[in-house]
């Protein structure tokens, strides 16, 4: 059984307002505001640090009846989190979900949205995108990723997420 840990950068929200300093980001902000992911990025619920710490200090990843879950205790109450509850709570309307895209499609789609460094490796770098895409990728990795490595790189799963968002 895997023991999960609390990380300070979890539970961050994005503020999707158009910057006055740069018109170049307006298109990405419009895209995020119009996309179903907006709610997941911007919902600002009251979360108490003591609850977060209790959750992560007791969290265990388990598989029950073939479904992956995170189980934890908060104030002596059992909390179970499943993919279906996350989709529902974050108002993600893609019940079937999306598996990681095939490697060839990841390379093809990243090139189409302007990734400037063709490679056969499945690690990608924000630095090889336009500033607008860097912003989007940074927002997504900060808000939705449990990343513990450098924030400049991301893997094929995160690339699939970005591609699926960009292609609706």
Protein backbone atom coordinates (compact mmCIF):
# COMPACT_ATOMS: atom_id res chain seq x y z
CA UNK A 1 0.00 0.00 0.00
CA UNK A 2 1.35 3.42 -1.00
CA UNK A 3 1.60 6.16 1.65
CA UNK A 4 0.88 9.61 0.22
CA UNK A 5 2.37 12.84 1.56
CA UNK A 6 1.26 16.44 1.91
CA UNK A 7 2.96 18.90 -0.44
CA UNK A 8 2.71 22.67 0.08
CA UNK A 9 1.95 23.34 -3.59
CA UNK A 10 -1.21 21.21 -3.64
CA UNK A 11 -4.61 22.92 -3.61
CA UNK A 12 -3.59 25.99 -5.60
CA UNK A 13 -6.12 27.89 -7.71
CA UNK A 14 -5.67 29.93 -10.86
CA UNK A 15 -6.86 33.48 -11.37
CA UNK A 16 -8.00 33.70 -14.98
CA UNK A 17 -8.09 37.43 -15.59
CA UNK A 18 -6.58 39.07 -18.65
CA UNK A 19 -3.24 40.71 -17.88
CA UNK A 20 -2.95 44.38 -18.76
CA UNK A 21 0.77 43.97 -19.47
CA UNK A 22 0.40 41.54 -22.37
CA UNK A 23 -2.28 41.14 -25.00
CA UNK A 24 -0.64 37.89 -26.10
CA UNK A 25 -2.19 36.00 -23.20
CA UNK A 26 -5.77 37.11 -23.78
CA UNK A 27 -6.47 34.22 -26.17
CA UNK A 28 -5.29 31.61 -23.64
CA UNK A 29 -7.33 33.26 -20.84
CA UNK A 30 -10.41 33.24 -23.11
CA UNK A 31 -9.73 29.59 -23.92
CA UNK A 32 -9.46 28.62 -20.25
CA UNK A 33 -12.53 30.63 -19.28
CA UNK A 34 -14.60 28.95 -22.02
CA UNK A 35 -13.31 25.43 -21.33
CA UNK A 36 -14.87 22.96 -18.90
CA UNK A 37 -11.56 22.83 -16.99
CA UNK A 38 -12.16 26.42 -15.78
CA UNK A 39 -14.09 25.33 -12.73
CA UNK A 40 -11.40 22.85 -11.69
CA UNK A 41 -8.70 25.52 -12.02
CA UNK A 42 -10.52 28.35 -10.28
CA UNK A 43 -12.85 26.92 -7.64
CA UNK A 44 -11.86 28.48 -4.37
CA UNK A 45 -13.40 26.38 -1.65
CA UNK A 46 -12.54 26.84 1.99
CA UNK A 47 -9.97 24.21 2.85
CA UNK A 48 -8.50 24.22 6.33
CA UNK A 49 -4.79 23.42 6.62
CA UNK A 50 -5.43 21.12 9.59
CA UNK A 51 -7.80 19.03 7.44
CA UNK A 52 -5.27 18.87 4.62
CA UNK A 53 -2.54 17.74 7.01
CA UNK A 54 -4.85 15.14 8.60
CA UNK A 55 -5.80 13.90 5.15
CA UNK A 56 -2.23 13.51 3.88
CA UNK A 57 -0.90 12.07 7.13
CA UNK A 58 -3.46 9.23 6.96
CA UNK A 59 -3.94 8.87 3.16
CA UNK A 60 -3.48 5.47 1.58
CA UNK A 61 -3.92 4.55 -2.08
CA UNK A 62 -5.98 1.37 -2.49
CA UNK A 63 -7.82 -0.58 -5.15
CA UNK A 64 -11.32 -1.68 -4.11
CA UNK A 65 -13.44 -3.71 -6.52
CA UNK A 66 -11.07 -2.76 -9.34
CA UNK A 67 -11.36 0.99 -8.69
CA UNK A 68 -8.44 3.09 -7.44
CA UNK A 69 -9.20 5.11 -4.32
CA UNK A 70 -7.52 7.33 -1.79
CA UNK A 71 -8.72 6.60 1.74
CA UNK A 72 -7.97 8.85 4.69
CA UNK A 73 -9.26 10.04 8.06
CA UNK A 74 -10.29 13.61 8.82
CA UNK A 75 -11.56 14.32 12.34
CA UNK A 76 -11.91 10.54 12.81
CA UNK A 77 -14.23 10.29 9.78
CA UNK A 78 -13.28 8.05 6.87
CA UNK A 79 -12.93 9.93 3.57
CA UNK A 80 -12.86 8.03 0.28
CA UNK A 81 -11.89 9.76 -2.94
CA UNK A 82 -12.42 8.10 -6.30
CA UNK A 83 -12.05 9.32 -9.87
CA UNK A 84 -15.83 9.49 -10.24
CA UNK A 85 -16.18 11.76 -7.20
CA UNK A 86 -13.43 14.06 -8.50
CA UNK A 87 -15.09 14.27 -11.94
CA UNK A 88 -18.40 15.09 -10.28
CA UNK A 89 -17.08 17.61 -7.75
CA UNK A 90 -14.94 19.44 -10.30
CA UNK A 91 -17.78 19.36 -12.83
CA UNK A 92 -15.75 17.49 -15.44
CA UNK A 93 -18.27 16.18 -17.93
CA UNK A 94 -16.16 13.49 -19.54
CA UNK A 95 -17.39 10.43 -17.65
CA UNK A 96 -15.52 8.02 -19.91
CA UNK A 97 -12.29 9.90 -19.32
CA UNK A 98 -9.40 9.96 -21.76
CA UNK A 99 -6.50 7.55 -21.67
CA UNK A 100 -3.03 8.82 -22.40
CA UNK A 101 -2.79 9.46 -26.12
CA UNK A 102 -0.59 7.24 -28.29
CA UNK A 103 3.00 8.48 -28.47
CA UNK A 104 2.82 9.32 -32.19
CA UNK A 105 -0.30 11.44 -31.63
CA UNK A 106 1.33 13.27 -28.70
CA UNK A 107 4.28 14.28 -30.91
CA UNK A 108 1.98 15.21 -33.81
CA UNK A 109 -0.39 17.33 -31.71
CA UNK A 110 2.36 19.09 -29.75
CA UNK A 111 4.01 20.05 -33.04
CA UNK A 112 0.64 21.36 -34.27
CA UNK A 113 0.29 23.67 -31.25
CA UNK A 114 3.83 24.96 -31.72
CA UNK A 115 6.20 22.75 -29.72
CA UNK A 116 9.58 23.75 -31.15
CA UNK A 117 11.78 20.81 -30.21
CA UNK A 118 10.95 17.56 -32.00
CA UNK A 119 12.18 14.60 -30.01
CA UNK A 120 11.45 10.95 -29.45
CA UNK A 121 11.67 11.33 -25.66
CA UNK A 122 8.48 11.43 -23.61
CA UNK A 123 9.65 14.35 -21.48
CA UNK A 124 8.63 17.77 -22.76
CA UNK A 125 9.73 21.27 -21.79
CA UNK A 126 7.68 24.46 -21.40
CA UNK A 127 10.60 26.46 -22.75
CA UNK A 128 9.93 25.19 -26.27
CA UNK A 129 6.41 26.68 -26.43
CA UNK A 130 5.20 30.20 -27.07
CA UNK A 131 4.70 32.36 -23.94
CA UNK A 132 0.94 31.74 -24.10
CA UNK A 133 1.33 27.96 -24.08
CA UNK A 134 3.98 28.19 -21.35
CA UNK A 135 1.41 30.05 -19.26
CA UNK A 136 -1.28 27.43 -19.87
CA UNK A 137 1.06 24.52 -19.15
CA UNK A 138 2.37 26.21 -16.00
CA UNK A 139 -1.20 26.88 -14.80
CA UNK A 140 -2.21 23.27 -15.37
CA UNK A 141 0.87 21.75 -13.75
CA UNK A 142 0.60 24.06 -10.73
CA UNK A 143 -3.12 23.40 -10.19
CA UNK A 144 -3.58 19.79 -11.22
CA UNK A 145 -0.27 18.00 -10.98
CA UNK A 146 1.43 16.32 -8.07
CA UNK A 147 4.75 17.20 -9.68
CA UNK A 148 7.82 17.00 -7.52
CA UNK A 149 10.42 17.55 -10.24
CA UNK A 150 11.31 20.71 -12.11
CA UNK A 151 8.32 22.78 -13.24
CA UNK A 152 9.83 23.31 -16.69
CA UNK A 153 9.30 19.70 -17.77
CA UNK A 154 6.24 17.50 -18.06
CA UNK A 155 5.50 13.96 -19.19
CA UNK A 156 3.31 12.41 -21.87
CA UNK A 157 0.31 12.14 -19.52
CA UNK A 158 0.39 15.90 -18.91
CA UNK A 159 0.99 16.41 -22.66
CA UNK A 160 -2.14 14.34 -23.35
CA UNK A 161 -4.12 16.53 -20.94
CA UNK A 162 -2.92 19.71 -22.66
CA UNK A 163 -3.68 18.28 -26.12
CA UNK A 164 -7.17 17.15 -25.08
CA UNK A 165 -7.89 20.60 -23.65
CA UNK A 166 -6.56 22.34 -26.75
CA UNK A 167 -8.57 20.16 -29.10
CA UNK A 168 -11.67 20.18 -26.86
